[in-house]
Amino acid sequence: MTRDLSARDTWARELMDEADADLEMLERTYERFGLVNALVSRPGLLYRRDVRLRARRGPVRILDIGAGGADACRLIARRLRRDGLTGTITALDVDPRAIDWAARHDRGAGIAYRHALSSDLVAEGAQFDVIISNHVLHHLNDAELRGVLHDSQRLLAPGGIVVHRDIARSAAAYALFAAATWPFARSLFRGSFIRVDGLISIRRSYTPRELAAIVPAGWRVRGGLPARLEARWEARATVD
């Protein structure tokens, strides 16, 4: 059956987002995220390009919005230690199940886990040098997306950067993910939501053109391979 990917399928809902999602399958999904994201999202590139540069100036404050199992946070923590750099990392998620699992699997990373909204951190007056998200934007409707972008700008310290990364919707991305995950459906991804929810995620995702039409002035939107989407915003450094 051919999927119509000409528009976002905002009615589709990922199974792991359901309140009654099977907890064992959910936790197995968090466990597998590290491998999937390492191949698809390349958090190491994000670290080299945007985090390390700022960490070399001094201790860096990092916020991951919608951190899920916090695999990206743990990777960044390891890279900072490897490079002899310091910083604090906050993993934020609205799903207490994700925060609970991530906190139990911190593995000495020393990450701060928060069950909260980005707007809660704004109300607290929090500030960060690097704000990231991965595969979060497609979960949001247009109004929620604008809210997260607005919160990100308010949470960013002078000279900081926001990088929201997601999947770019296309027929090719859908077909590629379906083909690449099929051989592992009964092995590596068995008993998880990875394959089913991954396909739903692509159906819900924005195209670069759609996202560029929504973001406020000053944001930069670009696509990349494989089927990547990124929205970036940089805060000007203060002048003494």
Protein backbone atom coordinates (compact mmCIF):
# COMPACT_ATOMS: atom_id res chain seq x y z
CA MET A 1 0.00 0.00 0.00
CA THR A 2 1.39 3.39 -1.03
CA ARG A 3 1.31 6.15 1.58
CA ASP A 4 0.26 9.67 0.66
CA LEU A 5 3.10 11.83 1.97
CA SER A 6 2.07 15.03 0.23
CA ALA A 7 0.98 16.54 3.57
CA ARG A 8 1.68 15.96 7.27
CA ASP A 9 -0.39 13.19 8.77
CA THR A 10 -1.11 15.03 12.00
CA TRP A 11 -3.83 12.57 12.96
CA ALA A 12 -1.37 9.68 13.24
CA ARG A 13 -0.10 9.15 16.78
CA GLU A 14 3.00 7.25 17.77
CA LEU A 15 2.25 4.22 19.92
CA MET A 16 4.91 5.06 22.48
CA ASP A 17 3.14 8.36 23.22
CA GLU A 18 -0.01 6.60 24.38
CA ALA A 19 -0.58 6.71 28.14
CA ASP A 20 -1.28 2.98 28.19
CA ALA A 21 1.72 1.99 26.05
CA ASP A 22 3.26 -1.32 27.09
CA LEU A 23 6.00 -0.34 29.55
CA GLU A 24 8.31 -3.21 28.62
CA MET A 25 8.12 -2.31 24.93
CA LEU A 26 8.54 1.37 25.78
CA GLU A 27 11.70 0.76 27.78
CA ARG A 28 13.11 -1.51 25.08
CA THR A 29 12.48 1.35 22.64
CA TYR A 30 14.43 3.80 24.82
CA GLU A 31 17.23 1.24 25.00
CA ARG A 32 17.41 0.92 21.19
CA PHE A 33 17.26 4.68 20.56
CA GLY A 34 20.99 5.08 21.09
CA LEU A 35 21.84 2.82 18.17
CA VAL A 36 19.16 4.21 15.85
CA ASN A 37 20.01 7.84 16.59
CA ALA A 38 23.75 7.24 16.23
CA LEU A 39 23.12 6.06 12.67
CA VAL A 40 20.33 8.43 11.66
CA SER A 41 20.83 11.61 13.70
CA ARG A 42 24.63 11.63 14.10
CA PRO A 43 24.82 13.38 17.50
CA GLY A 44 28.60 13.19 17.27
CA LEU A 45 28.47 15.70 14.42
CA LEU A 46 26.31 18.00 16.54
CA TYR A 47 28.89 17.78 19.31
CA ARG A 48 31.84 18.59 17.04
CA ARG A 49 30.09 21.40 15.22
CA ASP A 50 28.15 23.21 17.94
CA VAL A 51 28.97 21.97 21.45
CA ARG A 52 32.75 21.55 21.52
CA LEU A 53 33.40 25.05 20.16
CA ARG A 54 31.48 26.67 23.01
CA ALA A 55 32.80 24.27 25.65
CA ARG A 56 36.35 25.34 24.78
CA ARG A 57 35.45 28.85 25.94
CA GLY A 58 34.48 27.61 29.39
CA PRO A 59 31.87 25.41 31.13
CA VAL A 60 28.93 24.97 28.77
CA ARG A 61 25.26 24.66 29.79
CA ILE A 62 23.30 22.29 27.55
CA LEU A 63 19.56 21.64 27.38
CA ASP A 64 17.99 18.74 25.46
CA ILE A 65 14.26 19.39 24.95
CA GLY A 66 12.25 16.18 24.60
CA ALA A 67 15.28 14.10 25.52
CA GLY A 68 13.45 10.76 25.64
CA GLY A 69 15.93 8.13 26.78
CA ALA A 70 18.66 10.82 26.83
CA ASP A 71 21.08 8.89 24.61
CA ALA A 72 22.27 12.13 22.98
CA CYS A 73 22.89 13.65 26.42
CA ARG A 74 25.00 10.69 27.49
CA LEU A 75 27.02 10.81 24.27
CA ILE A 76 27.73 14.52 24.72
CA ALA A 77 28.72 13.94 28.35
CA ARG A 78 31.21 11.24 27.26
CA ARG A 79 32.67 13.46 24.54
CA LEU A 80 33.12 16.38 26.94
CA ARG A 81 34.99 14.17 29.40
CA ARG A 82 37.11 12.67 26.62
CA ASP A 83 38.12 16.14 25.44
CA GLY A 84 38.83 17.42 28.94
CA LEU A 85 35.95 19.90 28.78
CA THR A 86 33.30 20.69 31.35
CA GLY A 87 29.61 21.45 31.29
CA THR A 88 26.18 20.71 32.68
CA ILE A 89 23.51 18.85 30.72
CA THR A 90 19.78 18.99 31.42
CA ALA A 91 17.53 16.34 29.87
CA LEU A 92 13.96 17.66 29.67
CA ASP A 93 10.87 15.63 28.77
CA VAL A 94 7.13 15.90 29.34
CA ASP A 95 6.82 12.11 29.66
CA PRO A 96 7.70 10.96 33.20
CA ARG A 97 8.30 7.44 31.88
CA ALA A 98 11.15 8.69 29.69
CA ILE A 99 12.72 10.70 32.50
CA ASP A 100 12.44 7.77 34.92
CA TRP A 101 14.11 5.37 32.47
CA ALA A 102 16.85 7.83 31.53
CA ALA A 103 17.65 8.61 35.17
CA ARG A 104 17.95 4.89 35.93
CA HIS A 105 20.35 4.49 33.00
CA ASP A 106 22.50 7.56 33.57
CA ARG A 107 25.63 5.35 33.75
CA GLY A 108 27.63 7.98 35.56
CA ALA A 109 26.99 10.72 33.01
CA GLY A 110 25.85 13.12 35.74
CA ILE A 111 22.93 14.53 33.73
CA ALA A 112 20.13 16.52 35.38
CA TYR A 113 16.76 14.97 34.47
CA ARG A 114 13.65 17.15 34.48
CA HIS A 115 10.02 16.18 33.95
CA ALA A 116 8.80 19.59 32.80
CA LEU A 117 7.92 21.83 29.85
CA SER A 118 10.30 24.28 28.23
CA SER A 119 7.96 27.03 29.42
CA ASP A 120 8.57 25.91 33.02
CA LEU A 121 12.28 26.59 32.58
CA VAL A 122 11.49 29.99 31.08
CA ALA A 123 9.44 30.83 34.19
CA GLU A 124 12.41 29.81 36.34
CA GLY A 125 14.70 32.18 34.44
CA ALA A 126 17.00 29.36 33.30
CA GLN A 127 19.70 30.04 30.71
CA PHE A 128 21.66 27.70 28.45
CA ASP A 129 24.49 28.01 25.95
CA VAL A 130 23.38 25.15 23.70
CA ILE A 131 19.76 24.00 23.29
CA ILE A 132 19.04 20.93 21.21
CA SER A 133 16.24 18.56 20.36
CA ASN A 134 16.11 15.42 18.26
CA HIS A 135 13.00 13.98 16.63
CA VAL A 136 10.71 16.24 18.67
CA LEU A 137 9.30 18.75 16.18
CA HIS A 138 7.13 16.21 14.36
CA HIS A 139 5.32 15.44 17.63
CA LEU A 140 4.04 19.03 17.76
CA ASN A 141 1.27 20.88 16.00
CA ASP A 142 2.12 24.26 14.47
CA ALA A 143 1.13 26.25 17.58
CA GLU A 144 3.13 23.98 19.88
CA LEU A 145 6.10 24.21 17.55
CA ARG A 146 6.04 28.01 17.66
CA GLY A 147 5.85 27.82 21.45
CA VAL A 148 8.96 25.63 21.69
CA LEU A 149 10.86 27.90 19.31
CA HIS A 150 9.85 30.95 21.35
CA ASP A 151 10.86 29.26 24.61
CA SER A 152 14.18 28.24 23.07
CA GLN A 153 15.01 31.83 22.22
CA ARG A 154 14.13 33.01 25.72
CA LEU A 155 16.21 30.26 27.34
CA LEU A 156 19.31 30.94 25.25
CA ALA A 157 22.22 32.84 26.75
CA PRO A 158 24.10 35.48 24.69
CA GLY A 159 26.36 33.81 22.14
CA GLY A 160 24.44 30.54 22.41
CA ILE A 161 22.84 28.39 19.74
CA VAL A 162 19.62 26.40 19.32
CA VAL A 163 19.63 23.34 17.06
CA HIS A 164 16.34 21.46 16.63
CA ARG A 165 16.87 18.39 14.47
CA ASP A 166 14.25 16.10 12.99
CA ILE A 167 13.29 13.86 10.09
CA ALA A 168 12.37 15.43 6.73
CA ARG A 169 9.20 13.87 5.28
CA SER A 170 9.47 12.34 1.84
CA ALA A 171 8.46 9.18 0.00
CA ALA A 172 12.13 8.25 -0.27
CA ALA A 173 12.67 8.60 3.50
CA TYR A 174 9.63 6.44 4.19
CA ALA A 175 10.72 3.74 1.76
CA LEU A 176 14.32 3.78 2.98
CA PHE A 177 13.37 3.47 6.66
CA ALA A 178 10.87 0.72 5.89
CA ALA A 179 13.46 -1.25 3.91
CA ALA A 180 16.34 -0.66 6.35
CA THR A 181 14.38 -1.74 9.44
CA TRP A 182 12.54 -4.70 7.94
CA PRO A 183 15.42 -7.21 8.37
CA PHE A 184 15.62 -6.32 12.08
CA ALA A 185 11.89 -6.26 12.82
CA ARG A 186 12.01 -9.75 14.38
CA SER A 187 15.42 -9.42 16.00
CA LEU A 188 17.00 -6.14 17.09
CA PHE A 189 13.74 -4.16 17.06
CA ARG A 190 11.50 -6.98 18.24
CA GLY A 191 9.35 -6.00 21.20
CA SER A 192 9.90 -2.28 20.66
CA PHE A 193 8.08 0.57 18.93
CA ILE A 194 11.08 1.51 16.76
CA ARG A 195 9.85 0.36 13.35
CA VAL A 196 6.14 1.17 13.62
CA ASP A 197 6.64 4.54 15.30
CA GLY A 198 9.51 5.43 12.99
CA LEU A 199 7.23 5.14 9.99
CA ILE A 200 4.53 7.15 11.75
CA SER A 201 7.14 9.79 12.61
CA ILE A 202 8.01 10.26 8.95
CA ARG A 203 4.33 10.68 8.09
CA ARG A 204 4.01 13.36 10.78
CA SER A 205 7.22 15.20 9.90
CA TYR A 206 7.68 18.53 8.15
CA THR A 207 9.42 19.13 4.86
CA PRO A 208 12.10 21.85 4.81
CA ARG A 209 9.73 24.14 2.92
CA GLU A 210 6.90 23.61 5.42
CA LEU A 211 9.13 24.23 8.42
CA ALA A 212 10.69 27.33 6.86
CA ALA A 213 7.20 28.79 6.43
CA ILE A 214 6.46 28.42 10.16
CA VAL A 215 9.64 29.47 11.98
CA PRO A 216 9.99 33.13 13.04
CA ALA A 217 12.37 35.55 11.36
CA GLY A 218 16.00 34.88 12.19
CA TRP A 219 15.70 31.10 12.23
CA ARG A 220 17.51 29.10 9.55
CA VAL A 221 16.03 25.89 8.19
CA ARG A 222 18.00 23.41 6.14
CA GLY A 223 17.73 19.84 5.00
CA GLY A 224 20.42 17.19 4.84
CA LEU A 225 21.12 13.52 4.27
CA PRO A 226 19.73 11.07 5.08
CA ALA A 227 16.30 12.77 5.20
CA ARG A 228 17.38 15.25 7.85
CA LEU A 229 15.79 18.54 8.86
CA GLU A 230 17.25 21.24 11.07
CA ALA A 231 16.11 24.58 12.49
CA ARG A 232 18.89 26.79 13.93
CA TRP A 233 18.92 30.07 15.81
CA GLU A 234 21.93 31.87 17.26
CA ALA A 235 21.87 34.55 19.95
CA ARG A 236 24.25 37.45 19.50
CA ALA A 237 27.05 37.67 22.01
CA THR A 238 26.94 40.66 24.34
CA VAL A 239 29.42 43.44 23.69
CA ASP A 240 31.34 44.70 26.74
